[in-house]
Amino acid sequence: MGFRITSTKEIKRDICMKVYEKIEKIFYESSQLIRESAKLSKDITKAISEMKNCLEKGNKIIIFGNGGSAADAQHIAGELIGRFQMERNSLPVIALNTDTSILTALGNDYSFEIIFSRQCESLVKKGDLVIGISTSGNSKNVINGLNTSKQNGAVTLALLGNDGGKIKNIVDISIIVNSNSTPRIQEVHRIIYHIICEQIEKELFEK
């Protein structure tokens, strides 16, 4: 009985098939979680209502998060200060994770856990709306920032993952994506805040 030698071409084909299957699996998991997250519509509607109320009264929105969530905070601020889908006036939104001088000074002189709360101490006023983003729901600096914001009289909102962690018990409104996969949670977070940005524009500026 002879032995069959697998060619390099066949090995490459098998590797490509495995990668192909992994890619398909990721698309399936992501799309499945997106469909399941439609059940968050009620919480998203509450968030839109509170944000609209805040902006109509001349107050501001402040957002923060770490890593990919920091990028999402900047993304939201960019959409609302600039535009999402329509030409309109700028909206007052600040992402607290964008100033590297402030972040490194606070992290170095105090600790990383207070990089948001120290800023919220002076920037957040009564009537403002503050959004914390955390895929784990347990980011200590996000928790501290939200607690300080509540003390200052702000409405608090959080985009979360997993089971919502500690943050779900702190904020006025929590939007929790039911997954323990950070990439999948962040993908759904992006859809959620795109929905929010679109509806805010329509409700504030559409004639």
Protein backbone atom coordinates (compact mmCIF):
# COMPACT_ATOMS: atom_id res chain seq x y z
CA MET A 1 0.00 0.00 0.00
CA GLY A 2 1.57 3.28 -1.11
CA PHE A 3 1.60 6.62 0.59
CA ARG A 4 0.05 9.64 -1.10
CA ILE A 5 2.13 12.81 -0.98
CA THR A 6 0.04 15.95 -0.50
CA SER A 7 1.07 18.65 -2.92
CA THR A 8 1.85 22.23 -1.89
CA LYS A 9 -1.09 23.33 -4.00
CA GLU A 10 -3.45 21.07 -2.06
CA ILE A 11 -2.10 22.28 1.28
CA LYS A 12 -2.63 25.91 0.27
CA ARG A 13 -6.17 25.06 -0.91
CA ASP A 14 -6.97 23.42 2.45
CA ILE A 15 -5.62 26.42 4.35
CA CYS A 16 -7.68 28.79 2.19
CA MET A 17 -10.81 26.71 2.83
CA LYS A 18 -10.25 26.87 6.60
CA VAL A 19 -9.79 30.65 6.47
CA TYR A 20 -12.88 30.92 4.27
CA GLU A 21 -14.92 28.94 6.80
CA LYS A 22 -13.67 31.10 9.68
CA ILE A 23 -14.62 34.28 7.80
CA GLU A 24 -18.09 32.90 7.08
CA LYS A 25 -18.48 31.98 10.76
CA ILE A 26 -17.56 35.53 11.86
CA PHE A 27 -20.07 37.05 9.44
CA TYR A 28 -22.76 34.67 10.68
CA GLU A 29 -22.06 35.37 14.37
CA SER A 30 -21.99 39.13 13.83
CA SER A 31 -25.19 39.24 11.77
CA GLN A 32 -26.95 36.94 14.23
CA LEU A 33 -26.05 39.20 17.17
CA ILE A 34 -27.15 42.26 15.22
CA ARG A 35 -30.57 40.69 14.58
CA GLU A 36 -30.92 39.67 18.23
CA SER A 37 -30.02 43.20 19.34
CA ALA A 38 -33.20 44.57 17.76
CA LYS A 39 -34.75 43.79 21.15
CA LEU A 40 -32.77 46.77 22.50
CA SER A 41 -35.00 49.15 20.53
CA LYS A 42 -36.89 50.28 23.64
CA ASP A 43 -33.68 51.25 25.48
CA ILE A 44 -32.30 52.94 22.35
CA THR A 45 -35.52 54.95 22.03
CA LYS A 46 -35.13 56.11 25.65
CA ALA A 47 -31.55 57.15 24.92
CA ILE A 48 -32.61 59.16 21.85
CA SER A 49 -35.34 60.89 23.85
CA GLU A 50 -32.97 61.89 26.65
CA MET A 51 -30.31 63.10 24.21
CA LYS A 52 -32.86 65.15 22.29
CA ASN A 53 -34.16 66.66 25.52
CA CYS A 54 -30.62 67.54 26.63
CA LEU A 55 -29.73 69.25 23.35
CA GLU A 56 -33.05 71.11 23.02
CA LYS A 57 -32.41 72.68 26.42
CA GLY A 58 -29.00 73.97 25.32
CA ASN A 59 -26.96 71.44 27.27
CA LYS A 60 -24.13 69.22 26.00
CA ILE A 61 -23.27 65.57 25.60
CA ILE A 62 -20.03 64.13 26.97
CA ILE A 63 -18.73 60.69 25.98
CA PHE A 64 -15.80 58.50 27.00
CA GLY A 65 -14.38 54.97 26.82
CA ASN A 66 -11.14 53.01 26.53
CA GLY A 67 -9.43 51.49 23.49
CA GLY A 68 -11.97 50.62 20.80
CA SER A 69 -14.65 52.27 22.92
CA ALA A 70 -12.55 55.45 22.94
CA ALA A 71 -12.59 55.32 19.14
CA ASP A 72 -16.37 54.89 19.27
CA ALA A 73 -16.68 57.92 21.57
CA GLN A 74 -14.73 60.01 19.05
CA HIS A 75 -16.83 58.59 16.23
CA ILE A 76 -20.08 59.64 17.90
CA ALA A 77 -18.75 63.12 18.67
CA GLY A 78 -17.56 63.51 15.08
CA GLU A 79 -20.96 62.53 13.66
CA LEU A 80 -22.87 64.94 15.89
CA ILE A 81 -20.49 67.91 15.75
CA GLY A 82 -20.10 67.52 12.01
CA ARG A 83 -22.98 65.78 10.30
CA PHE A 84 -24.38 62.32 9.91
CA GLN A 85 -26.71 62.41 6.90
CA MET A 86 -27.99 65.97 6.64
CA GLU A 87 -26.69 69.52 6.58
CA ARG A 88 -27.57 71.22 9.87
CA ASN A 89 -26.12 73.15 12.81
CA SER A 90 -23.35 71.64 14.88
CA LEU A 91 -24.27 69.90 18.13
CA PRO A 92 -22.28 70.30 21.39
CA VAL A 93 -20.59 66.95 22.00
CA ILE A 94 -17.22 66.25 23.66
CA ALA A 95 -15.21 62.99 23.68
CA LEU A 96 -13.04 63.10 26.81
CA ASN A 97 -10.50 60.56 25.56
CA THR A 98 -9.11 62.75 22.76
CA ASP A 99 -6.75 65.11 24.63
CA THR A 100 -3.51 63.19 25.14
CA SER A 101 -1.94 65.93 27.26
CA ILE A 102 -4.80 65.80 29.75
CA LEU A 103 -4.94 61.99 29.75
CA THR A 104 -1.21 61.51 30.27
CA ALA A 105 -1.00 64.25 32.89
CA LEU A 106 -3.84 62.75 34.92
CA GLY A 107 -2.58 59.20 34.45
CA ASN A 108 0.93 60.20 35.50
CA ASP A 109 0.14 62.64 38.32
CA TYR A 110 -2.82 60.74 39.79
CA SER A 111 -3.89 57.40 38.27
CA PHE A 112 -5.50 56.04 35.12
CA GLU A 113 -8.68 55.40 37.09
CA ILE A 114 -9.48 59.12 37.38
CA ILE A 115 -8.78 60.26 33.80
CA PHE A 116 -12.50 60.73 33.10
CA SER A 117 -13.86 61.64 36.55
CA ARG A 118 -11.37 64.50 36.94
CA GLN A 119 -12.55 65.99 33.65
CA CYS A 120 -16.21 65.39 34.49
CA GLU A 121 -15.69 67.19 37.80
CA SER A 122 -15.40 70.55 36.02
CA LEU A 123 -16.93 69.97 32.57
CA VAL A 124 -20.21 68.21 33.42
CA LYS A 125 -23.08 70.45 34.51
CA LYS A 126 -26.64 69.77 35.60
CA GLY A 127 -28.75 68.97 32.54
CA ASP A 128 -25.88 67.52 30.51
CA LEU A 129 -26.00 63.95 29.25
CA VAL A 130 -22.98 61.69 29.76
CA ILE A 131 -22.32 58.47 27.85
CA GLY A 132 -19.89 55.83 29.10
CA ILE A 133 -18.85 53.03 26.75
CA SER A 134 -17.51 49.75 28.14
CA THR A 135 -17.74 46.31 26.53
CA SER A 136 -17.09 44.64 29.90
CA GLY A 137 -19.32 46.97 31.91
CA ASN A 138 -16.62 47.12 34.57
CA SER A 139 -14.06 49.69 33.37
CA LYS A 140 -13.03 51.48 36.56
CA ASN A 141 -12.31 54.85 34.97
CA VAL A 142 -15.66 54.78 33.14
CA ILE A 143 -17.42 53.92 36.42
CA ASN A 144 -15.71 56.84 38.17
CA GLY A 145 -16.57 59.23 35.36
CA LEU A 146 -20.23 58.24 35.41
CA ASN A 147 -20.45 58.51 39.20
CA THR A 148 -18.97 62.01 39.15
CA SER A 149 -21.37 63.00 36.36
CA LYS A 150 -24.36 61.80 38.38
CA GLN A 151 -23.15 63.81 41.35
CA ASN A 152 -23.05 66.87 39.09
CA GLY A 153 -26.66 66.34 38.03
CA ALA A 154 -26.19 64.80 34.59
CA VAL A 155 -28.33 62.14 32.97
CA THR A 156 -26.16 59.06 32.45
CA LEU A 157 -26.25 56.51 29.64
CA ALA A 158 -24.00 53.52 28.90
CA LEU A 159 -23.27 51.31 25.92
CA LEU A 160 -22.27 47.97 27.43
CA GLY A 161 -21.62 44.30 26.71
CA ASN A 162 -21.58 40.98 28.58
CA ASP A 163 -24.20 41.26 31.36
CA GLY A 164 -23.72 45.02 31.77
CA GLY A 165 -21.28 44.59 34.65
CA LYS A 166 -21.25 47.12 37.48
CA ILE A 167 -22.10 50.03 35.21
CA LYS A 168 -25.66 48.87 34.49
CA ASN A 169 -26.49 49.58 38.15
CA ILE A 170 -25.02 53.08 38.02
CA VAL A 171 -26.55 54.68 34.94
CA ASP A 172 -30.04 55.97 34.18
CA ILE A 173 -30.18 54.10 30.86
CA SER A 174 -28.12 51.04 29.93
CA ILE A 175 -27.97 49.49 26.47
CA ILE A 176 -26.46 46.03 26.91
CA VAL A 177 -25.34 43.90 23.96
CA ASN A 178 -25.75 40.27 24.98
CA SER A 179 -22.31 38.90 24.08
CA ASN A 180 -18.94 38.27 25.73
CA SER A 181 -17.01 38.83 22.49
CA THR A 182 -15.46 42.31 22.46
CA PRO A 183 -15.30 42.58 18.62
CA ARG A 184 -18.94 41.50 18.20
CA ILE A 185 -20.08 43.89 20.96
CA GLN A 186 -18.25 46.79 19.32
CA GLU A 187 -19.81 45.97 15.94
CA VAL A 188 -23.30 46.19 17.43
CA HIS A 189 -22.39 49.34 19.39
CA ARG A 190 -21.53 51.01 16.09
CA ILE A 191 -24.93 50.15 14.62
CA ILE A 192 -26.65 51.41 17.78
CA TYR A 193 -24.95 54.79 17.80
CA HIS A 194 -25.46 55.21 14.06
CA ILE A 195 -29.18 54.70 14.69
CA ILE A 196 -29.02 57.26 17.51
CA CYS A 197 -27.18 59.83 15.37
CA GLU A 198 -29.64 59.40 12.51
CA GLN A 199 -32.69 59.82 14.74
CA ILE A 200 -31.22 62.80 16.62
CA GLU A 201 -30.68 64.60 13.31
CA LYS A 202 -34.18 63.84 12.09
CA GLU A 203 -35.93 64.83 15.31
CA LEU A 204 -33.99 68.06 15.81
CA PHE A 205 -33.58 69.32 12.25
CA GLU A 206 -35.96 67.63 9.82
CA LYS A 207 -38.67 70.06 8.76
